[in-house]
Amino acid sequence: MTSQTDSETDGLWDLITRARVVLWDFDGPICRLFAGHSAERVASDLVDWLEGRGLHGLLTEQERESLDPHAVLRAVDRRHPGSDLVAELEERLTHEELKAASSAMPTAYADPLIRTWTAVGSQLAITSNNSPRVISRYLGDRGLIGCFAPHIYGRTEDLSRLKPDPHCLIRALSAVGAAPSAALMIGDTPSDLEAARRAEVPFLGYARNQPKEKLLRDAGATLVVRSLQPLLDTVRGQA
C-alpha cells in the first residue's frame, strides 16, 4: 500500500503478530527471479523447443503466445502428465531458472525482513512453483538459506500440484507442525491467494506495482502492500 488506512495498519499488525509460521512465495516477495533473464524469452524458447520436436499442435495459439514459462509447462503436463516429454521440459525450465538466479533482483526490504522475522523466533518456509534447486541457490548466495532450510517446498515432479493447488503449503504446515490459523502466506499472484484460501491460511498480498495490486484485489485479496517496509517495521516492533 502506498498509504495505509488505520484499519489496514491494524490488519497488518494483527496478521503479523498472530503468525507463528510465515510461508513465502519466492519469485516476487523475495526477489524478481527474471529481472535480468527474461521470463518471456524463456517461455518463447520452450515453445520453440517443442515446435522443433514436431509438437507445434500440442499447444493452443494462446498457450504458444504465453509470456509465462510455467503456463507452457502446465499446458504440456495436462496433455501428457508424467511423461518423459514433461520431465525434459521441466528440466529445461529449471536450467533457465538457475541461470536467472545469478541476476535475480532482491525485493526491497526482503533480506532484513527475513532475518528479523527469524531473529524474533518465527518459523519461515518457502512455498513456490519454482524449482527448489533454484530457490536454494539464490538463498545460499544471499546468506539466507539458514532462515528457511530445510523448509523449502518448490516444484515437484507432480506438476498438477503447482499452486493454486495448496499442496506445497500443506507440506510446509505439516513439516513444522503448525495449524493453518497460526500461519501467514505472503504471495504476489492470484494463484498464491487461491492456494492460501484452499489451505485455510491467512494471506498477505505483495504487489510491486499498481497492475499487480489490482490483480490481487480483483481476486479478492483484502490486504495488499506495495512495499515490505511496513512488515519490517512491524516485526521490529515485536523484538
Protein backbone atom coordinates (compact mmCIF):
# COMPACT_ATOMS: atom_id res chain seq x y z
CA MET A 1 0.00 0.00 0.00
CA THR A 2 1.26 3.45 -0.79
CA SER A 3 -0.79 4.89 2.08
CA GLN A 4 -2.35 2.70 4.75
CA THR A 5 -5.61 3.44 6.49
CA ASP A 6 -5.83 2.86 10.22
CA SER A 7 -7.83 -0.34 9.62
CA GLU A 8 -5.22 -1.61 7.16
CA THR A 9 -2.42 -0.86 9.61
CA ASP A 10 -4.32 -2.71 12.33
CA GLY A 11 -4.96 -5.60 9.96
CA LEU A 12 -1.28 -5.85 9.08
CA TRP A 13 -0.27 -5.79 12.74
CA ASP A 14 -2.82 -8.49 13.54
CA LEU A 15 -1.67 -10.76 10.69
CA ILE A 16 1.98 -10.46 11.62
CA THR A 17 1.70 -10.78 15.38
CA ARG A 18 -0.51 -13.87 15.11
CA ALA A 19 1.74 -15.68 12.63
CA ARG A 20 3.97 -18.35 14.14
CA VAL A 21 4.87 -19.62 10.67
CA VAL A 22 5.40 -17.47 7.57
CA LEU A 23 5.04 -19.13 4.16
CA TRP A 24 6.78 -17.14 1.44
CA ASP A 25 6.27 -17.33 -2.26
CA PHE A 26 9.71 -16.98 -3.85
CA ASP A 27 9.56 -15.11 -7.16
CA GLY A 28 8.05 -11.74 -6.26
CA PRO A 29 8.09 -11.32 -2.49
CA ILE A 30 11.73 -12.42 -2.08
CA CYS A 31 13.20 -11.47 -5.45
CA ARG A 32 12.44 -10.80 -9.10
CA LEU A 33 13.88 -14.02 -10.44
CA PHE A 34 13.76 -12.99 -14.09
CA ALA A 35 14.84 -9.37 -13.60
CA GLY A 36 17.93 -9.93 -15.76
CA HIS A 37 16.84 -13.02 -17.66
CA SER A 38 13.53 -12.51 -19.43
CA ALA A 39 10.72 -14.89 -18.46
CA GLU A 40 9.06 -14.03 -21.76
CA ARG A 41 12.11 -15.22 -23.67
CA VAL A 42 12.25 -18.41 -21.61
CA ALA A 43 8.60 -19.13 -22.42
CA SER A 44 9.28 -18.48 -26.11
CA ASP A 45 12.32 -20.77 -26.06
CA LEU A 46 10.26 -23.58 -24.51
CA VAL A 47 7.64 -23.18 -27.24
CA ASP A 48 10.36 -23.18 -29.93
CA TRP A 49 11.88 -26.33 -28.43
CA LEU A 50 8.53 -28.11 -28.58
CA GLU A 51 7.98 -26.99 -32.15
CA GLY A 52 11.48 -28.18 -33.07
CA ARG A 53 10.39 -31.65 -31.97
CA GLY A 54 7.39 -31.51 -34.28
CA LEU A 55 4.94 -30.72 -31.47
CA HIS A 56 3.53 -27.45 -32.80
CA GLY A 57 -0.02 -28.72 -32.44
CA LEU A 58 0.44 -29.64 -28.79
CA LEU A 59 -0.27 -26.08 -27.66
CA THR A 60 -3.13 -23.77 -28.45
CA GLU A 61 -2.37 -20.41 -30.06
CA GLN A 62 -2.95 -18.70 -26.71
CA GLU A 63 -0.57 -21.09 -24.98
CA ARG A 64 2.09 -20.58 -27.66
CA GLU A 65 1.87 -16.84 -27.12
CA SER A 66 2.07 -17.15 -23.33
CA LEU A 67 4.62 -14.94 -21.59
CA ASP A 68 4.76 -17.35 -18.64
CA PRO A 69 7.06 -20.41 -18.83
CA HIS A 70 5.05 -22.11 -16.09
CA ALA A 71 1.92 -21.80 -18.23
CA VAL A 72 3.70 -23.60 -21.08
CA LEU A 73 4.86 -26.35 -18.71
CA ARG A 74 1.38 -26.78 -17.24
CA ALA A 75 -0.20 -26.98 -20.70
CA VAL A 76 2.09 -29.81 -21.78
CA ASP A 77 1.61 -31.64 -18.50
CA ARG A 78 -2.17 -31.51 -18.84
CA ARG A 79 -1.89 -33.40 -22.13
CA HIS A 80 0.97 -35.74 -21.23
CA PRO A 81 1.08 -35.98 -17.43
CA GLY A 82 4.13 -37.72 -16.02
CA SER A 83 5.70 -38.23 -19.44
CA ASP A 84 9.38 -38.07 -20.40
CA LEU A 85 8.46 -35.05 -22.51
CA VAL A 86 7.21 -33.18 -19.46
CA ALA A 87 10.25 -34.23 -17.42
CA GLU A 88 12.61 -32.92 -20.12
CA LEU A 89 10.66 -29.68 -20.48
CA GLU A 90 10.69 -29.17 -16.71
CA GLU A 91 14.45 -29.74 -16.62
CA ARG A 92 14.92 -27.15 -19.35
CA LEU A 93 12.87 -24.66 -17.32
CA THR A 94 14.90 -25.44 -14.19
CA HIS A 95 18.10 -24.80 -16.17
CA GLU A 96 16.78 -21.39 -17.24
CA GLU A 97 15.70 -20.57 -13.68
CA LEU A 98 19.18 -21.47 -12.42
CA LYS A 99 20.70 -19.07 -14.94
CA ALA A 100 18.21 -16.40 -13.88
CA ALA A 101 19.09 -16.81 -10.20
CA SER A 102 22.52 -15.25 -10.76
CA SER A 103 20.95 -11.98 -11.93
CA ALA A 104 17.80 -12.01 -9.80
CA MET A 105 16.95 -8.70 -8.14
CA PRO A 106 16.27 -8.88 -4.38
CA THR A 107 12.93 -7.39 -3.38
CA ALA A 108 13.45 -4.24 -1.33
CA TYR A 109 13.46 -4.94 2.43
CA ALA A 110 13.08 -8.72 1.89
CA ASP A 111 16.52 -9.69 3.21
CA PRO A 112 16.32 -7.74 6.50
CA LEU A 113 12.69 -8.78 6.96
CA ILE A 114 13.60 -12.45 6.60
CA ARG A 115 16.49 -12.12 9.05
CA THR A 116 14.44 -10.13 11.56
CA TRP A 117 11.48 -12.50 11.43
CA THR A 118 13.87 -15.38 12.08
CA ALA A 119 15.52 -13.49 14.93
CA VAL A 120 12.22 -12.98 16.76
CA GLY A 121 11.54 -16.72 16.66
CA SER A 122 9.17 -17.19 13.72
CA GLN A 123 9.46 -20.26 11.51
CA LEU A 124 9.88 -19.44 7.81
CA ALA A 125 9.24 -21.68 4.81
CA ILE A 126 9.20 -21.29 1.04
CA THR A 127 6.08 -22.41 -0.85
CA SER A 128 6.75 -21.85 -4.53
CA ASN A 129 6.19 -23.06 -8.08
CA ASN A 130 9.88 -22.56 -8.82
CA SER A 131 12.45 -25.34 -8.64
CA PRO A 132 13.74 -25.95 -5.10
CA ARG A 133 17.26 -26.16 -6.59
CA VAL A 134 16.88 -22.59 -7.82
CA ILE A 135 15.47 -21.32 -4.54
CA SER A 136 18.27 -22.93 -2.55
CA ARG A 137 20.92 -21.45 -4.84
CA TYR A 138 19.52 -17.93 -4.54
CA LEU A 139 19.07 -18.11 -0.77
CA GLY A 140 22.56 -19.56 -0.38
CA ASP A 141 24.08 -16.74 -2.42
CA ARG A 142 22.27 -14.17 -0.24
CA GLY A 143 23.24 -15.85 3.03
CA LEU A 144 19.59 -16.59 3.79
CA ILE A 145 19.43 -20.36 3.46
CA GLY A 146 19.65 -20.86 7.22
CA CYS A 147 16.47 -18.84 7.71
CA PHE A 148 14.47 -21.41 5.73
CA ALA A 149 16.25 -24.76 5.39
CA PRO A 150 15.05 -27.44 5.32
CA HIS A 151 11.63 -25.95 4.71
CA ILE A 152 11.84 -25.18 1.00
CA TYR A 153 8.84 -26.57 -0.89
CA GLY A 154 9.09 -25.91 -4.59
CA ARG A 155 8.07 -27.57 -7.84
CA THR A 156 7.89 -31.37 -7.73
CA GLU A 157 7.56 -33.99 -10.47
CA ASP A 158 3.79 -33.89 -9.99
CA LEU A 159 3.00 -30.66 -11.83
CA SER A 160 -0.69 -30.94 -11.03
CA ARG A 161 0.34 -29.89 -7.52
CA LEU A 162 1.58 -26.45 -8.56
CA LYS A 163 -0.27 -23.54 -6.99
CA PRO A 164 -3.17 -22.77 -6.92
CA ASP A 165 -3.17 -26.32 -5.57
CA PRO A 166 -2.34 -25.92 -1.86
CA HIS A 167 -0.01 -28.94 -1.80
CA CYS A 168 3.22 -27.04 -1.01
CA LEU A 169 1.53 -25.03 1.74
CA ILE A 170 0.11 -28.16 3.34
CA ARG A 171 3.54 -29.85 3.18
CA ALA A 172 5.12 -26.87 4.92
CA LEU A 173 2.49 -26.73 7.66
CA SER A 174 2.75 -30.46 8.27
CA ALA A 175 6.55 -30.33 8.45
CA VAL A 176 6.60 -27.59 11.10
CA GLY A 177 3.55 -28.90 12.95
CA ALA A 178 1.51 -25.72 12.62
CA ALA A 179 -2.21 -25.18 12.22
CA PRO A 180 -3.27 -23.06 9.22
CA SER A 181 -4.57 -20.35 11.53
CA ALA A 182 -1.09 -19.95 13.04
CA ALA A 183 0.48 -19.27 9.64
CA LEU A 184 0.67 -16.43 7.13
CA MET A 185 1.19 -16.72 3.37
CA ILE A 186 2.94 -13.88 1.52
CA GLY A 187 2.34 -14.05 -2.22
CA ASP A 188 2.07 -11.84 -5.28
CA THR A 189 -0.34 -13.67 -7.60
CA PRO A 190 -3.98 -14.76 -7.58
CA SER A 191 -2.76 -18.39 -7.61
CA ASP A 192 -0.94 -17.73 -4.32
CA LEU A 193 -4.16 -16.29 -2.89
CA GLU A 194 -6.20 -19.27 -4.06
CA ALA A 195 -3.69 -21.74 -2.62
CA ALA A 196 -3.81 -19.93 0.73
CA ARG A 197 -7.61 -19.96 0.69
CA ARG A 198 -7.72 -23.68 -0.02
CA ALA A 199 -5.20 -24.34 2.74
CA GLU A 200 -7.16 -22.00 5.06
CA VAL A 201 -4.06 -19.89 5.68
CA PRO A 202 -4.34 -16.09 6.15
CA PHE A 203 -2.94 -14.23 3.14
CA LEU A 204 -0.98 -11.02 2.67
CA GLY A 205 -0.50 -9.80 -0.87
CA TYR A 206 2.68 -8.16 -2.11
CA ALA A 207 2.48 -6.12 -5.32
CA ARG A 208 5.43 -4.19 -6.72
CA ASN A 209 3.18 -2.06 -8.93
CA GLN A 210 -0.41 -0.97 -9.39
CA PRO A 211 -1.40 -3.54 -12.07
CA LYS A 212 -0.23 -6.40 -9.85
CA GLU A 213 -2.10 -4.91 -6.90
CA LYS A 214 -5.26 -4.69 -8.99
CA LEU A 215 -4.94 -8.36 -9.99
CA LEU A 216 -4.72 -9.38 -6.35
CA ARG A 217 -7.57 -7.16 -5.21
CA ASP A 218 -9.79 -8.27 -8.09
CA ALA A 219 -9.11 -11.87 -6.99
CA GLY A 220 -10.32 -10.97 -3.51
CA ALA A 221 -7.21 -10.08 -1.54
CA THR A 222 -8.19 -7.72 1.26
CA LEU A 223 -4.71 -6.71 2.42
CA VAL A 224 -2.02 -5.86 -0.15
CA VAL A 225 1.25 -3.99 0.41
CA ARG A 226 3.33 -2.28 -2.26
CA SER A 227 6.44 -2.41 -0.07
CA LEU A 228 7.75 -4.82 2.57
CA GLN A 229 8.91 -1.91 4.73
CA PRO A 230 5.69 -1.81 6.83
CA LEU A 231 6.18 -5.52 7.57
CA LEU A 232 9.77 -4.94 8.62
CA ASP A 233 8.74 -2.07 10.90
CA THR A 234 6.02 -4.22 12.45
CA VAL A 235 8.27 -7.22 13.04
CA ARG A 236 10.97 -4.98 14.54
CA GLY A 237 8.29 -3.67 16.88
CA GLN A 238 7.87 -7.22 18.23
CA ALA A 239 11.55 -7.56 19.15
